[in-house]
C-alpha atoms as a PDB file:
ATOM      1  CA  UNK A   1     -19.895  54.443  21.828  1.00  0.00           C
ATOM      2  CA  UNK A   2     -23.196  54.508  19.258  1.00  0.00           C
ATOM      3  CA  UNK A   3     -26.146  52.515  20.572  1.00  0.00           C
ATOM      4  CA  UNK A   4     -30.139  51.416  19.628  1.00  0.00           C
ATOM      5  CA  UNK A   5     -32.868  51.950  21.997  1.00  0.00           C
ATOM      6  CA  UNK A   6     -34.423  48.092  21.800  1.00  0.00           C
ATOM      7  CA  UNK A   7     -37.066  48.088  24.808  1.00  0.00           C
ATOM      8  CA  UNK A   8     -37.578  49.974  28.003  1.00  0.00           C
ATOM      9  CA  UNK A   9     -39.374  50.169  31.158  1.00  0.00           C
ATOM     10  CA  UNK A  10     -41.312  53.651  29.906  1.00  0.00           C
ATOM     11  CA  UNK A  11     -41.214  55.516  26.108  1.00  0.00           C
ATOM     12  CA  UNK A  12     -39.175  58.223  26.958  1.00  0.00           C
ATOM     13  CA  UNK A  13     -36.987  59.094  30.091  1.00  0.00           C
ATOM     14  CA  UNK A  14     -34.972  57.223  32.826  1.00  0.00           C
ATOM     15  CA  UNK A  15     -35.618  53.915  33.209  1.00  0.00           C
ATOM     16  CA  UNK A  16     -34.512  50.228  32.937  1.00  0.00           C
ATOM     17  CA  UNK A  17     -33.597  49.961  29.064  1.00  0.00           C
ATOM     18  CA  UNK A  18     -31.968  47.115  27.164  1.00  0.00           C
ATOM     19  CA  UNK A  19     -29.618  48.751  24.307  1.00  0.00           C
ATOM     20  CA  UNK A  20     -27.338  47.237  21.441  1.00  0.00           C
ATOM     21  CA  UNK A  21     -24.437  48.633  20.622  1.00  0.00           C
ATOM     22  CA  UNK A  22     -24.046  49.577  16.962  1.00  0.00           C
ATOM     23  CA  UNK A  23     -21.128  47.429  15.276  1.00  0.00           C
ATOM     24  CA  UNK A  24     -20.666  45.153  17.793  1.00  0.00           C
ATOM     25  CA  UNK A  25     -24.069  43.609  18.565  1.00  0.00           C
ATOM     26  CA  UNK A  26     -23.506  43.648  22.121  1.00  0.00           C
ATOM     27  CA  UNK A  27     -26.040  45.167  24.692  1.00  0.00           C
ATOM     28  CA  UNK A  28     -25.689  47.441  27.297  1.00  0.00           C
ATOM     29  CA  UNK A  29     -28.317  46.895  30.051  1.00  0.00           C
ATOM     30  CA  UNK A  30     -29.473  50.198  32.031  1.00  0.00           C
ATOM     31  CA  UNK A  31     -30.961  49.250  35.247  1.00  0.00           C
ATOM     32  CA  UNK A  32     -30.988  49.465  39.150  1.00  0.00           C
ATOM     33  CA  UNK A  33     -28.070  49.728  41.574  1.00  0.00           C
ATOM     34  CA  UNK A  34     -28.168  46.392  43.268  1.00  0.00           C
ATOM     35  CA  UNK A  35     -26.305  47.428  46.406  1.00  0.00           C
ATOM     36  CA  UNK A  36     -23.607  45.275  47.589  1.00  0.00           C
ATOM     37  CA  UNK A  37     -23.421  43.027  44.995  1.00  0.00           C
ATOM     38  CA  UNK A  38     -21.194  40.899  46.654  1.00  0.00           C
ATOM     39  CA  UNK A  39     -23.379  39.194  48.870  1.00  0.00           C
ATOM     40  CA  UNK A  40     -25.474  38.547  45.944  1.00  0.00           C
ATOM     41  CA  UNK A  41     -26.170  34.632  46.195  1.00  0.00           C
ATOM     42  CA  UNK A  42     -24.657  32.509  43.732  1.00  0.00           C
ATOM     43  CA  UNK A  43     -22.469  35.085  42.067  1.00  0.00           C
ATOM     44  CA  UNK A  44     -18.447  36.522  41.832  1.00  0.00           C
ATOM     45  CA  UNK A  45     -18.451  39.577  40.688  1.00  0.00           C
ATOM     46  CA  UNK A  46     -15.161  40.283  40.228  1.00  0.00           C
ATOM     47  CA  UNK A  47     -13.523  44.404  40.597  1.00  0.00           C
ATOM     48  CA  UNK A  48     -14.681  46.349  37.367  1.00  0.00           C
ATOM     49  CA  UNK A  49     -17.852  44.544  36.797  1.00  0.00           C
ATOM     50  CA  UNK A  50     -21.434  45.829  38.657  1.00  0.00           C
ATOM     51  CA  UNK A  51     -24.604  43.935  39.040  1.00  0.00           C
ATOM     52  CA  UNK A  52     -27.901  46.310  37.771  1.00  0.00           C
ATOM     53  CA  UNK A  53     -31.395  44.616  38.376  1.00  0.00           C
ATOM     54  CA  UNK A  54     -34.356  45.079  35.413  1.00  0.00           C
ATOM     55  CA  UNK A  55     -37.478  43.816  35.327  1.00  0.00           C
ATOM     56  CA  UNK A  56     -38.283  40.303  33.602  1.00  0.00           C
ATOM     57  CA  UNK A  57     -40.488  42.340  31.094  1.00  0.00           C
ATOM     58  CA  UNK A  58     -37.945  43.922  29.184  1.00  0.00           C
ATOM     59  CA  UNK A  59     -36.446  40.769  28.261  1.00  0.00           C
ATOM     60  CA  UNK A  60     -39.778  39.180  27.908  1.00  0.00           C
ATOM     61  CA  UNK A  61     -40.959  42.313  25.752  1.00  0.00           C
ATOM     62  CA  UNK A  62     -38.104  42.289  23.738  1.00  0.00           C
ATOM     63  CA  UNK A  63     -38.287  38.631  22.616  1.00  0.00           C
ATOM     64  CA  UNK A  64     -42.076  39.298  22.201  1.00  0.00           C
ATOM     65  CA  UNK A  65     -41.223  41.844  19.813  1.00  0.00           C
ATOM     66  CA  UNK A  66     -38.480  41.140  18.148  1.00  0.00           C
ATOM     67  CA  UNK A  67     -37.267  37.659  18.518  1.00  0.00           C
ATOM     68  CA  UNK A  68     -40.652  35.139  18.374  1.00  0.00           C
ATOM     69  CA  UNK A  69     -41.918  34.995  15.012  1.00  0.00           C
END
């Protein structure tokens, strides 16, 4: 699967990052594992899915830099 890095917490390295999947336009999110995701109030996380936590700044920065004109 080929991806393009859109925005991240750091310019290089392993940190929270937003990627676009080439060909589909889907997004991948690299973030911090949420321990005991089933206990997150207001969620119903099924088997085979997971929850990650990312700083809101990642999405906000992407919107500022790429969506808001």
